[in-house]
Amino acid sequence: MTDRFSEDDVVTTVTRLTRGQLVRFIEVELVRPERDGSGYVFRSVDIARLELLCDLSQDLDLDETGLDIVVSLIDQLHAARQDLVTMAQAIDTLPADLKARVMAELKRA
């Protein structure tokens, strides 16, 4: 299975997406595909994001402003989750006594 898709692949895969919508989503940077010599190159994460954009715009009738707000919040949530994973991994590497103190402080907070 490939993780790189052309514009044609995207429009075929995301069945609710029109080429015009795809172009607009790129123009307003709701999706940011890579570029190569033949045009845009999309990844699986772009496909998932486009599916979400179609759901939000078509099912919930969100306009571009609403889409930008919701997608920005989702991006912030993903970044915060990644930060938490990184902190948990760092705490997990601490010596047992220090790890216990950190965990106790976290419970108090």
PDB file of N, CA and C in Angstrom:
ATOM      1  N   MET A   1       0.839  -1.188   0.000  1.00  0.00           N
ATOM      2  CA  MET A   1       0.000   0.000   0.000  1.00  0.00           C
ATOM      3  C   MET A   1       0.884   1.251   0.000  1.00  0.00           C
ATOM      4  N   THR A   2       0.532   2.212  -0.787  1.00  0.00           N
ATOM      5  CA  THR A   2       1.326   3.426  -0.909  1.00  0.00           C
ATOM      6  C   THR A   2       0.870   4.477   0.091  1.00  0.00           C
ATOM      7  N   ASP A   3       1.775   5.365   0.405  1.00  0.00           N
ATOM      8  CA  ASP A   3       1.426   6.482   1.279  1.00  0.00           C
ATOM      9  C   ASP A   3       1.538   7.792   0.518  1.00  0.00           C
ATOM     10  N   ARG A   4       1.579   7.710  -0.807  1.00  0.00           N
ATOM     11  CA  ARG A   4       1.668   8.901  -1.636  1.00  0.00           C
ATOM     12  C   ARG A   4       0.586   8.827  -2.711  1.00  0.00           C
ATOM     13  N   PHE A   5      -0.185   9.900  -2.791  1.00  0.00           N
ATOM     14  CA  PHE A   5      -1.334   9.916  -3.684  1.00  0.00           C
ATOM     15  C   PHE A   5      -1.307  11.166  -4.556  1.00  0.00           C
ATOM     16  N   SER A   6      -1.726  11.011  -5.803  1.00  0.00           N
ATOM     17  CA  SER A   6      -1.849  12.144  -6.720  1.00  0.00           C
ATOM     18  C   SER A   6      -3.210  12.821  -6.490  1.00  0.00           C
ATOM     19  N   GLU A   7      -3.406  13.955  -7.133  1.00  0.00           N
ATOM     20  CA  GLU A   7      -4.709  14.632  -7.051  1.00  0.00           C
ATOM     21  C   GLU A   7      -5.825  13.708  -7.548  1.00  0.00           C
ATOM     22  N   ASP A   8      -5.575  13.018  -8.649  1.00  0.00           N
ATOM     23  CA  ASP A   8      -6.578  12.093  -9.180  1.00  0.00           C
ATOM     24  C   ASP A   8      -6.898  10.991  -8.176  1.00  0.00           C
ATOM     25  N   ASP A   9      -5.855  10.447  -7.541  1.00  0.00           N
ATOM     26  CA  ASP A   9      -6.071   9.413  -6.519  1.00  0.00           C
ATOM     27  C   ASP A   9      -6.936   9.945  -5.386  1.00  0.00           C
ATOM     28  N   VAL A  10      -6.665  11.178  -4.969  1.00  0.00           N
ATOM     29  CA  VAL A  10      -7.399  11.772  -3.851  1.00  0.00           C
ATOM     30  C   VAL A  10      -8.873  11.932  -4.203  1.00  0.00           C
ATOM     31  N   VAL A  11      -9.155  12.481  -5.363  1.00  0.00           N
ATOM     32  CA  VAL A  11     -10.553  12.712  -5.762  1.00  0.00           C
ATOM     33  C   VAL A  11     -11.292  11.376  -5.924  1.00  0.00           C
ATOM     34  N   THR A  12     -10.581  10.344  -6.351  1.00  0.00           N
ATOM     35  CA  THR A  12     -11.183   9.017  -6.468  1.00  0.00           C
ATOM     36  C   THR A  12     -11.405   8.391  -5.092  1.00  0.00           C
ATOM     37  N   THR A  13     -10.449   8.572  -4.182  1.00  0.00           N
ATOM     38  CA  THR A  13     -10.509   7.958  -2.858  1.00  0.00           C
ATOM     39  C   THR A  13     -11.517   8.653  -1.946  1.00  0.00           C
ATOM     40  N   VAL A  14     -11.478   9.973  -1.928  1.00  0.00           N
ATOM     41  CA  VAL A  14     -12.401  10.753  -1.091  1.00  0.00           C
ATOM     42  C   VAL A  14     -13.607  11.062  -1.965  1.00  0.00           C
ATOM     43  N   THR A  15     -14.569  10.168  -1.958  1.00  0.00           N
ATOM     44  CA  THR A  15     -15.661  10.207  -2.929  1.00  0.00           C
ATOM     45  C   THR A  15     -16.552  11.443  -2.810  1.00  0.00           C
ATOM     46  N   ARG A  16     -16.596  12.062  -1.649  1.00  0.00           N
ATOM     47  CA  ARG A  16     -17.438  13.250  -1.471  1.00  0.00           C
ATOM     48  C   ARG A  16     -16.723  14.535  -1.868  1.00  0.00           C
ATOM     49  N   LEU A  17     -15.472  14.428  -2.267  1.00  0.00           N
ATOM     50  CA  LEU A  17     -14.645  15.588  -2.566  1.00  0.00           C
ATOM     51  C   LEU A  17     -14.630  15.872  -4.057  1.00  0.00           C
ATOM     52  N   THR A  18     -14.894  17.118  -4.411  1.00  0.00           N
ATOM     53  CA  THR A  18     -14.762  17.519  -5.814  1.00  0.00           C
ATOM     54  C   THR A  18     -13.363  18.109  -6.019  1.00  0.00           C
ATOM     55  N   ARG A  19     -12.939  18.153  -7.267  1.00  0.00           N
ATOM     56  CA  ARG A  19     -11.633  18.738  -7.569  1.00  0.00           C
ATOM     57  C   ARG A  19     -11.621  20.213  -7.163  1.00  0.00           C
ATOM     58  N   GLY A  20     -12.731  20.913  -7.366  1.00  0.00           N
ATOM     59  CA  GLY A  20     -12.825  22.320  -6.964  1.00  0.00           C
ATOM     60  C   GLY A  20     -12.657  22.500  -5.465  1.00  0.00           C
ATOM     61  N   GLN A  21     -13.291  21.633  -4.689  1.00  0.00           N
ATOM     62  CA  GLN A  21     -13.128  21.698  -3.231  1.00  0.00           C
ATOM     63  C   GLN A  21     -11.680  21.421  -2.843  1.00  0.00           C
ATOM     64  N   LEU A  22     -11.074  20.437  -3.485  1.00  0.00           N
ATOM     65  CA  LEU A  22      -9.692  20.095  -3.192  1.00  0.00           C
ATOM     66  C   LEU A  22      -8.785  21.296  -3.423  1.00  0.00           C
ATOM     67  N   VAL A  23      -8.954  21.948  -4.567  1.00  0.00           N
ATOM     68  CA  VAL A  23      -8.146  23.125  -4.892  1.00  0.00           C
ATOM     69  C   VAL A  23      -8.370  24.217  -3.841  1.00  0.00           C
ATOM     70  N   ARG A  24      -9.605  24.436  -3.458  1.00  0.00           N
ATOM     71  CA  ARG A  24      -9.916  25.473  -2.465  1.00  0.00           C
ATOM     72  C   ARG A  24      -9.312  25.134  -1.104  1.00  0.00           C
ATOM     73  N   PHE A  25      -9.427  23.876  -0.678  1.00  0.00           N
ATOM     74  CA  PHE A  25      -8.850  23.459   0.601  1.00  0.00           C
ATOM     75  C   PHE A  25      -7.339  23.673   0.613  1.00  0.00           C
ATOM     76  N   ILE A  26      -6.692  23.473  -0.533  1.00  0.00           N
ATOM     77  CA  ILE A  26      -5.248  23.713  -0.638  1.00  0.00           C
ATOM     78  C   ILE A  26      -4.971  25.215  -0.587  1.00  0.00           C
ATOM     79  N   GLU A  27      -5.759  26.004  -1.332  1.00  0.00           N
ATOM     80  CA  GLU A  27      -5.558  27.457  -1.378  1.00  0.00           C
ATOM     81  C   GLU A  27      -5.653  28.091   0.004  1.00  0.00           C
ATOM     82  N   VAL A  28      -6.612  27.649   0.813  1.00  0.00           N
ATOM     83  CA  VAL A  28      -6.795  28.242   2.149  1.00  0.00           C
ATOM     84  C   VAL A  28      -6.001  27.483   3.219  1.00  0.00           C
ATOM     85  N   GLU A  29      -5.164  26.563   2.761  1.00  0.00           N
ATOM     86  CA  GLU A  29      -4.237  25.807   3.607  1.00  0.00           C
ATOM     87  C   GLU A  29      -4.915  24.972   4.688  1.00  0.00           C
ATOM     88  N   LEU A  30      -6.100  24.461   4.377  1.00  0.00           N
ATOM     89  CA  LEU A  30      -6.737  23.501   5.280  1.00  0.00           C
ATOM     90  C   LEU A  30      -6.081  22.134   5.129  1.00  0.00           C
ATOM     91  N   VAL A  31      -5.467  21.923   3.984  1.00  0.00           N
ATOM     92  CA  VAL A  31      -4.640  20.740   3.744  1.00  0.00           C
ATOM     93  C   VAL A  31      -3.377  21.240   3.049  1.00  0.00           C
ATOM     94  N   ARG A  32      -2.234  20.671   3.426  1.00  0.00           N
ATOM     95  CA  ARG A  32      -0.949  21.155   2.904  1.00  0.00           C
ATOM     96  C   ARG A  32      -0.158  20.001   2.296  1.00  0.00           C
ATOM     97  N   PRO A  33      -0.504  19.602   1.082  1.00  0.00           N
ATOM     98  CA  PRO A  33       0.234  18.513   0.444  1.00  0.00           C
ATOM     99  C   PRO A  33       1.633  18.960   0.030  1.00  0.00           C
ATOM    100  N   GLU A  34       2.482  17.982  -0.178  1.00  0.00           N
ATOM    101  CA  GLU A  34       3.814  18.261  -0.717  1.00  0.00           C
ATOM    102  C   GLU A  34       3.675  18.527  -2.208  1.00  0.00           C
ATOM    103  N   ARG A  35       4.726  19.058  -2.787  1.00  0.00           N
ATOM    104  CA  ARG A  35       4.757  19.267  -4.240  1.00  0.00           C
ATOM    105  C   ARG A  35       5.955  18.542  -4.814  1.00  0.00           C
ATOM    106  N   ASP A  36       5.762  17.990  -5.993  1.00  0.00           N
ATOM    107  CA  ASP A  36       6.895  17.462  -6.744  1.00  0.00           C
ATOM    108  C   ASP A  36       6.760  17.958  -8.170  1.00  0.00           C
ATOM    109  N   GLY A  37       7.568  17.459  -9.060  1.00  0.00           N
ATOM    110  CA  GLY A  37       7.576  17.939 -10.440  1.00  0.00           C
ATOM    111  C   GLY A  37       6.258  17.788 -11.176  1.00  0.00           C
ATOM    112  N   SER A  38       5.445  16.824 -10.756  1.00  0.00           N
ATOM    113  CA  SER A  38       4.191  16.573 -11.471  1.00  0.00           C
ATOM    114  C   SER A  38       2.975  17.167 -10.779  1.00  0.00           C
ATOM    115  N   GLY A  39       3.154  17.828  -9.656  1.00  0.00           N
ATOM    116  CA  GLY A  39       2.021  18.436  -8.968  1.00  0.00           C
ATOM    117  C   GLY A  39       2.034  18.117  -7.482  1.00  0.00           C
ATOM    118  N   TYR A  40       0.840  18.136  -6.907  1.00  0.00           N
ATOM    119  CA  TYR A  40       0.711  17.866  -5.480  1.00  0.00           C
ATOM    120  C   TYR A  40       0.830  16.375  -5.196  1.00  0.00           C
ATOM    121  N   VAL A  41       1.415  16.084  -4.050  1.00  0.00           N
ATOM    122  CA  VAL A  41       1.526  14.711  -3.574  1.00  0.00           C
ATOM    123  C   VAL A  41       0.908  14.675  -2.176  1.00  0.00           C
ATOM    124  N   PHE A  42      -0.070  13.807  -2.007  1.00  0.00           N
ATOM    125  CA  PHE A  42      -0.791  13.703  -0.747  1.00  0.00           C
ATOM    126  C   PHE A  42      -0.373  12.440  -0.006  1.00  0.00           C
ATOM    127  N   ARG A  43      -0.439  12.508   1.324  1.00  0.00           N
ATOM    128  CA  ARG A  43      -0.146  11.351   2.172  1.00  0.00           C
ATOM    129  C   ARG A  43      -1.453  10.831   2.763  1.00  0.00           C
ATOM    130  N   SER A  44      -1.375   9.702   3.424  1.00  0.00           N
ATOM    131  CA  SER A  44      -2.572   9.120   4.046  1.00  0.00           C
ATOM    132  C   SER A  44      -3.210  10.078   5.038  1.00  0.00           C
ATOM    133  N   VAL A  45      -2.386  10.818   5.773  1.00  0.00           N
ATOM    134  CA  VAL A  45      -2.918  11.777   6.739  1.00  0.00           C
ATOM    135  C   VAL A  45      -3.704  12.885   6.022  1.00  0.00           C
ATOM    136  N   ASP A  46      -3.276  13.259   4.823  1.00  0.00           N
ATOM    137  CA  ASP A  46      -4.012  14.256   4.039  1.00  0.00           C
ATOM    138  C   ASP A  46      -5.373  13.702   3.615  1.00  0.00           C
ATOM    139  N   ILE A  47      -5.397  12.431   3.254  1.00  0.00           N
ATOM    140  CA  ILE A  47      -6.662  11.787   2.875  1.00  0.00           C
ATOM    141  C   ILE A  47      -7.637  11.823   4.060  1.00  0.00           C
ATOM    142  N   ALA A  48      -7.148  11.457   5.235  1.00  0.00           N
ATOM    143  CA  ALA A  48      -7.998  11.470   6.435  1.00  0.00           C
ATOM    144  C   ALA A  48      -8.492  12.880   6.733  1.00  0.00           C
ATOM    145  N   ARG A  49      -7.605  13.854   6.582  1.00  0.00           N
ATOM    146  CA  ARG A  49      -7.996  15.243   6.837  1.00  0.00           C
ATOM    147  C   ARG A  49      -9.055  15.706   5.829  1.00  0.00           C
ATOM    148  N   LEU A  50      -8.898  15.320   4.576  1.00  0.00           N
ATOM    149  CA  LEU A  50      -9.892  15.686   3.561  1.00  0.00           C
ATOM    150  C   LEU A  50     -11.243  15.018   3.823  1.00  0.00           C
ATOM    151  N   GLU A  51     -11.217  13.775   4.287  1.00  0.00           N
ATOM    152  CA  GLU A  51     -12.471  13.106   4.681  1.00  0.00           C
ATOM    153  C   GLU A  51     -13.155  13.907   5.783  1.00  0.00           C
ATOM    154  N   LEU A  52     -12.381  14.326   6.789  1.00  0.00           N
ATOM    155  CA  LEU A  52     -12.920  15.123   7.885  1.00  0.00           C
ATOM    156  C   LEU A  52     -13.467  16.447   7.376  1.00  0.00           C
ATOM    157  N   LEU A  53     -12.724  17.111   6.501  1.00  0.00           N
ATOM    158  CA  LEU A  53     -13.190  18.383   5.942  1.00  0.00           C
ATOM    159  C   LEU A  53     -14.512  18.218   5.200  1.00  0.00           C
ATOM    160  N   CYS A  54     -14.647  17.131   4.459  1.00  0.00           N
ATOM    161  CA  CYS A  54     -15.912  16.865   3.762  1.00  0.00           C
ATOM    162  C   CYS A  54     -17.037  16.636   4.766  1.00  0.00           C
ATOM    163  N   ASP A  55     -16.766  15.854   5.803  1.00  0.00           N
ATOM    164  CA  ASP A  55     -17.782  15.620   6.836  1.00  0.00           C
ATOM    165  C   ASP A  55     -18.213  16.934   7.477  1.00  0.00           C
ATOM    166  N   LEU A  56     -17.254  17.740   7.872  1.00  0.00           N
ATOM    167  CA  LEU A  56     -17.571  19.001   8.553  1.00  0.00           C
ATOM    168  C   LEU A  56     -18.287  19.986   7.647  1.00  0.00           C
ATOM    169  N   SER A  57     -17.836  20.086   6.410  1.00  0.00           N
ATOM    170  CA  SER A  57     -18.443  21.067   5.501  1.00  0.00           C
ATOM    171  C   SER A  57     -19.786  20.605   4.970  1.00  0.00           C
ATOM    172  N   GLN A  58     -19.931  19.317   4.714  1.00  0.00           N
ATOM    173  CA  GLN A  58     -21.173  18.835   4.108  1.00  0.00           C
ATOM    174  C   GLN A  58     -22.203  18.397   5.145  1.00  0.00           C
ATOM    175  N   ASP A  59     -21.781  17.647   6.145  1.00  0.00           N
ATOM    176  CA  ASP A  59     -22.731  17.154   7.144  1.00  0.00           C
ATOM    177  C   ASP A  59     -23.096  18.217   8.171  1.00  0.00           C
ATOM    178  N   LEU A  60     -22.126  19.042   8.567  1.00  0.00           N
ATOM    179  CA  LEU A  60     -22.374  20.064   9.580  1.00  0.00           C
ATOM    180  C   LEU A  60     -22.510  21.464   8.986  1.00  0.00           C
ATOM    181  N   ASP A  61     -22.367  21.548   7.663  1.00  0.00           N
ATOM    182  CA  ASP A  61     -22.559  22.800   6.927  1.00  0.00           C
ATOM    183  C   ASP A  61     -21.641  23.924   7.426  1.00  0.00           C
ATOM    184  N   LEU A  62     -20.394  23.578   7.754  1.00  0.00           N
ATOM    185  CA  LEU A  62     -19.435  24.598   8.177  1.00  0.00           C
ATOM    186  C   LEU A  62     -18.848  25.298   6.956  1.00  0.00           C
ATOM    187  N   ASP A  63     -18.721  26.615   7.062  1.00  0.00           N
ATOM    188  CA  ASP A  63     -18.067  27.369   5.994  1.00  0.00           C
ATOM    189  C   ASP A  63     -16.556  27.361   6.238  1.00  0.00           C
ATOM    190  N   GLU A  64     -15.805  28.052   5.386  1.00  0.00           N
ATOM    191  CA  GLU A  64     -14.347  28.040   5.503  1.00  0.00           C
ATOM    192  C   GLU A  64     -13.871  28.557   6.857  1.00  0.00           C
ATOM    193  N   THR A  65     -14.531  29.587   7.376  1.00  0.00           N
ATOM    194  CA  THR A  65     -14.141  30.125   8.682  1.00  0.00           C
ATOM    195  C   THR A  65     -14.342  29.082   9.767  1.00  0.00           C
ATOM    196  N   GLY A  66     -15.498  28.428   9.739  1.00  0.00           N
ATOM    197  CA  GLY A  66     -15.775  27.376  10.715  1.00  0.00           C
ATOM    198  C   GLY A  66     -14.813  26.210  10.580  1.00  0.00           C
ATOM    199  N   LEU A  67     -14.533  25.829   9.348  1.00  0.00           N
ATOM    200  CA  LEU A  67     -13.577  24.741   9.115  1.00  0.00           C
ATOM    201  C   LEU A  67     -12.208  25.101   9.665  1.00  0.00           C
ATOM    202  N   ASP A  68     -11.770  26.330   9.414  1.00  0.00           N
ATOM    203  CA  ASP A  68     -10.460  26.769   9.891  1.00  0.00           C
ATOM    204  C   ASP A  68     -10.387  26.709  11.414  1.00  0.00           C
ATOM    205  N   ILE A  69     -11.439  27.137  12.087  1.00  0.00           N
ATOM    206  CA  ILE A  69     -11.458  27.125  13.552  1.00  0.00           C
ATOM    207  C   ILE A  69     -11.427  25.698  14.074  1.00  0.00           C
ATOM    208  N   VAL A  70     -12.291  24.836  13.556  1.00  0.00           N
ATOM    209  CA  VAL A  70     -12.377  23.459  14.040  1.00  0.00           C
ATOM    210  C   VAL A  70     -11.082  22.701  13.758  1.00  0.00           C
ATOM    211  N   VAL A  71     -10.541  22.845  12.560  1.00  0.00           N
ATOM    212  CA  VAL A  71      -9.313  22.134  12.205  1.00  0.00           C
ATOM    213  C   VAL A  71      -8.142  22.649  13.044  1.00  0.00           C
ATOM    214  N   SER A  72      -8.099  23.941  13.304  1.00  0.00           N
ATOM    215  CA  SER A  72      -7.055  24.500  14.157  1.00  0.00           C
ATOM    216  C   SER A  72      -7.133  23.908  15.557  1.00  0.00           C
ATOM    217  N   LEU A  73      -8.328  23.794  16.099  1.00  0.00           N
ATOM    218  CA  LEU A  73      -8.497  23.201  17.435  1.00  0.00           C
ATOM    219  C   LEU A  73      -8.087  21.727  17.442  1.00  0.00           C
ATOM    220  N   ILE A  74      -8.441  21.012  16.405  1.00  0.00           N
ATOM    221  CA  ILE A  74      -8.042  19.596  16.306  1.00  0.00           C
ATOM    222  C   ILE A  74      -6.522  19.479  16.233  1.00  0.00           C
ATOM    223  N   ASP A  75      -5.888  20.351  15.444  1.00  0.00           N
ATOM    224  CA  ASP A  75      -4.426  20.338  15.343  1.00  0.00           C
ATOM    225  C   ASP A  75      -3.785  20.634  16.701  1.00  0.00           C
ATOM    226  N   GLN A  76      -4.343  21.591  17.435  1.00  0.00           N
ATOM    227  CA  GLN A  76      -3.819  21.914  18.768  1.00  0.00           C
ATOM    228  C   GLN A  76      -3.986  20.733  19.720  1.00  0.00           C
ATOM    229  N   LEU A  77      -5.103  20.054  19.625  1.00  0.00           N
ATOM    230  CA  LEU A  77      -5.353  18.885  20.472  1.00  0.00           C
ATOM    231  C   LEU A  77      -4.346  17.779  20.168  1.00  0.00           C
ATOM    232  N   HIS A  78      -4.081  17.535  18.905  1.00  0.00           N
ATOM    233  CA  HIS A  78      -3.089  16.524  18.521  1.00  0.00           C
ATOM    234  C   HIS A  78      -1.693  16.903  19.024  1.00  0.00           C
ATOM    235  N   ALA A  79      -1.348  18.185  18.919  1.00  0.00           N
ATOM    236  CA  ALA A  79      -0.037  18.635  19.390  1.00  0.00           C
ATOM    237  C   ALA A  79       0.072  18.472  20.909  1.00  0.00           C
ATOM    238  N   ALA A  80      -0.988  18.814  21.633  1.00  0.00           N
ATOM    239  CA  ALA A  80      -0.981  18.659  23.093  1.00  0.00           C
ATOM    240  C   ALA A  80      -0.858  17.187  23.471  1.00  0.00           C
ATOM    241  N   ARG A  81      -1.539  16.343  22.751  1.00  0.00           N
ATOM    242  CA  ARG A  81      -1.450  14.901  23.015  1.00  0.00           C
ATOM    243  C   ARG A  81      -0.029  14.400  22.794  1.00  0.00           C
ATOM    244  N   GLN A  82       0.608  14.853  21.730  1.00  0.00           N
ATOM    245  CA  GLN A  82       1.989  14.448  21.465  1.00  0.00           C
ATOM    246  C   GLN A  82       2.925  14.957  22.558  1.00  0.00           C
ATOM    247  N   ASP A  83       2.685  16.181  23.030  1.00  0.00           N
ATOM    248  CA  ASP A  83       3.486  16.724  24.133  1.00  0.00           C
ATOM    249  C   ASP A  83       3.334  15.868  25.383  1.00  0.00           C
ATOM    250  N   LEU A  84       2.123  15.437  25.673  1.00  0.00           N
ATOM    251  CA  LEU A  84       1.887  14.582  26.845  1.00  0.00           C
ATOM    252  C   LEU A  84       2.597  13.241  26.703  1.00  0.00           C
ATOM    253  N   VAL A  85       2.560  12.672  25.521  1.00  0.00           N
ATOM    254  CA  VAL A  85       3.257  11.405  25.280  1.00  0.00           C
ATOM    255  C   VAL A  85       4.761  11.591  25.503  1.00  0.00           C
ATOM    256  N   THR A  86       5.309  12.687  25.001  1.00  0.00           N
ATOM    257  CA  THR A  86       6.734  12.971  25.165  1.00  0.00           C
ATOM    258  C   THR A  86       7.089  13.134  26.645  1.00  0.00           C
ATOM    259  N   MET A  87       6.254  13.865  27.386  1.00  0.00           N
ATOM    260  CA  MET A  87       6.511  14.043  28.817  1.00  0.00           C
ATOM    261  C   MET A  87       6.405  12.719  29.567  1.00  0.00           C
ATOM    262  N   ALA A  88       5.424  11.918  29.236  1.00  0.00           N
ATOM    263  CA  ALA A  88       5.267  10.621  29.898  1.00  0.00           C
ATOM    264  C   ALA A  88       6.480   9.737  29.633  1.00  0.00           C
ATOM    265  N   GLN A  89       6.978   9.763  28.415  1.00  0.00           N
ATOM    266  CA  GLN A  89       8.174   8.977  28.096  1.00  0.00           C
ATOM    267  C   GLN A  89       9.386   9.477  28.869  1.00  0.00           C
ATOM    268  N   ALA A  90       9.509  10.794  28.998  1.00  0.00           N
ATOM    269  CA  ALA A  90      10.634  11.366  29.744  1.00  0.00           C
ATOM    270  C   ALA A  90      10.538  10.993  31.223  1.00  0.00           C
ATOM    271  N   ILE A  91       9.352  11.082  31.793  1.00  0.00           N
ATOM    272  CA  ILE A  91       9.156  10.718  33.199  1.00  0.00           C
ATOM    273  C   ILE A  91       9.463   9.249  33.412  1.00  0.00           C
ATOM    274  N   ASP A  92       9.095   8.436  32.451  1.00  0.00           N
ATOM    275  CA  ASP A  92       9.313   6.993  32.566  1.00  0.00           C
ATOM    276  C   ASP A  92      10.799   6.626  32.613  1.00  0.00           C
ATOM    277  N   THR A  93      11.647   7.487  32.110  1.00  0.00           N
ATOM    278  CA  THR A  93      13.093   7.191  32.111  1.00  0.00           C
ATOM    279  C   THR A  93      13.787   7.633  33.395  1.00  0.00           C
ATOM    280  N   LEU A  94      13.082   8.338  34.257  1.00  0.00           N
ATOM    281  CA  LEU A  94      13.690   8.838  35.495  1.00  0.00           C
ATOM    282  C   LEU A  94      13.954   7.701  36.478  1.00  0.00           C
ATOM    283  N   PRO A  95      14.906   7.908  37.388  1.00  0.00           N
ATOM    284  CA  PRO A  95      15.096   6.926  38.457  1.00  0.00           C
ATOM    285  C   PRO A  95      13.802   6.793  39.276  1.00  0.00           C
ATOM    286  N   ALA A  96      13.612   5.635  39.851  1.00  0.00           N
ATOM    287  CA  ALA A  96      12.346   5.314  40.533  1.00  0.00           C
ATOM    288  C   ALA A  96      11.958   6.342  41.593  1.00  0.00           C
ATOM    289  N   ASP A  97      12.917   6.787  42.407  1.00  0.00           N
ATOM    290  CA  ASP A  97      12.576   7.734  43.469  1.00  0.00           C
ATOM    291  C   ASP A  97      12.132   9.078  42.906  1.00  0.00           C
ATOM    292  N   LEU A  98      12.822   9.566  41.900  1.00  0.00           N
ATOM    293  CA  LEU A  98      12.455  10.828  41.275  1.00  0.00           C
ATOM    294  C   LEU A  98      11.134  10.697  40.521  1.00  0.00           C
ATOM    295  N   LYS A  99      10.954   9.583  39.869  1.00  0.00           N
ATOM    296  CA  LYS A  99       9.697   9.320  39.154  1.00  0.00           C
ATOM    297  C   LYS A  99       8.527   9.333  40.137  1.00  0.00           C
ATOM    298  N   ALA A 100       8.692   8.717  41.293  1.00  0.00           N
ATOM    299  CA  ALA A 100       7.630   8.696  42.312  1.00  0.00           C
ATOM    300  C   ALA A 100       7.319  10.108  42.797  1.00  0.00           C
ATOM    301  N   ARG A 101       8.360  10.936  42.982  1.00  0.00           N
ATOM    302  CA  ARG A 101       8.130  12.316  43.427  1.00  0.00           C
ATOM    303  C   ARG A 101       7.381  13.123  42.367  1.00  0.00           C
ATOM    304  N   VAL A 102       7.770  12.945  41.117  1.00  0.00           N
ATOM    305  CA  VAL A 102       7.092  13.658  40.024  1.00  0.00           C
ATOM    306  C   VAL A 102       5.629  13.223  39.949  1.00  0.00           C
ATOM    307  N   MET A 103       5.383  11.930  40.045  1.00  0.00           N
ATOM    308  CA  MET A 103       4.006  11.424  39.971  1.00  0.00           C
ATOM    309  C   MET A 103       3.181  11.942  41.147  1.00  0.00           C
ATOM    310  N   ALA A 104       3.780  12.011  42.319  1.00  0.00           N
ATOM    311  CA  ALA A 104       3.068  12.540  43.487  1.00  0.00           C
ATOM    312  C   ALA A 104       2.699  14.009  43.280  1.00  0.00           C
ATOM    313  N   GLU A 105       3.624  14.782  42.716  1.00  0.00           N
ATOM    314  CA  GLU A 105       3.352  16.193  42.440  1.00  0.00           C
ATOM    315  C   GLU A 105       2.238  16.340  41.407  1.00  0.00           C
ATOM    316  N   LEU A 106       2.251  15.493  40.401  1.00  0.00           N
ATOM    317  CA  LEU A 106       1.215  15.551  39.369  1.00  0.00           C
ATOM    318  C   LEU A 106      -0.152  15.244  39.959  1.00  0.00           C
ATOM    319  N   LYS A 107      -0.213  14.305  40.880  1.00  0.00           N
ATOM    320  CA  LYS A 107      -1.495  13.955  41.516  1.00  0.00           C
ATOM    321  C   LYS A 107      -2.001  15.100  42.368  1.00  0.00           C
ATOM    322  N   ARG A 108      -1.088  15.847  42.993  1.00  0.00           N
ATOM    323  CA  ARG A 108      -1.486  16.973  43.825  1.00  0.00           C
ATOM    324  C   ARG A 108      -1.988  18.138  42.982  1.00  0.00           C
ATOM    325  N   ALA A 109      -1.479  18.252  41.803  1.00  0.00           N
ATOM    326  CA  ALA A 109      -1.835  19.388  40.929  1.00  0.00           C
ATOM    327  C   ALA A 109      -3.174  19.212  40.377  1.00  0.00           C
TER     328      ALA A 109
END
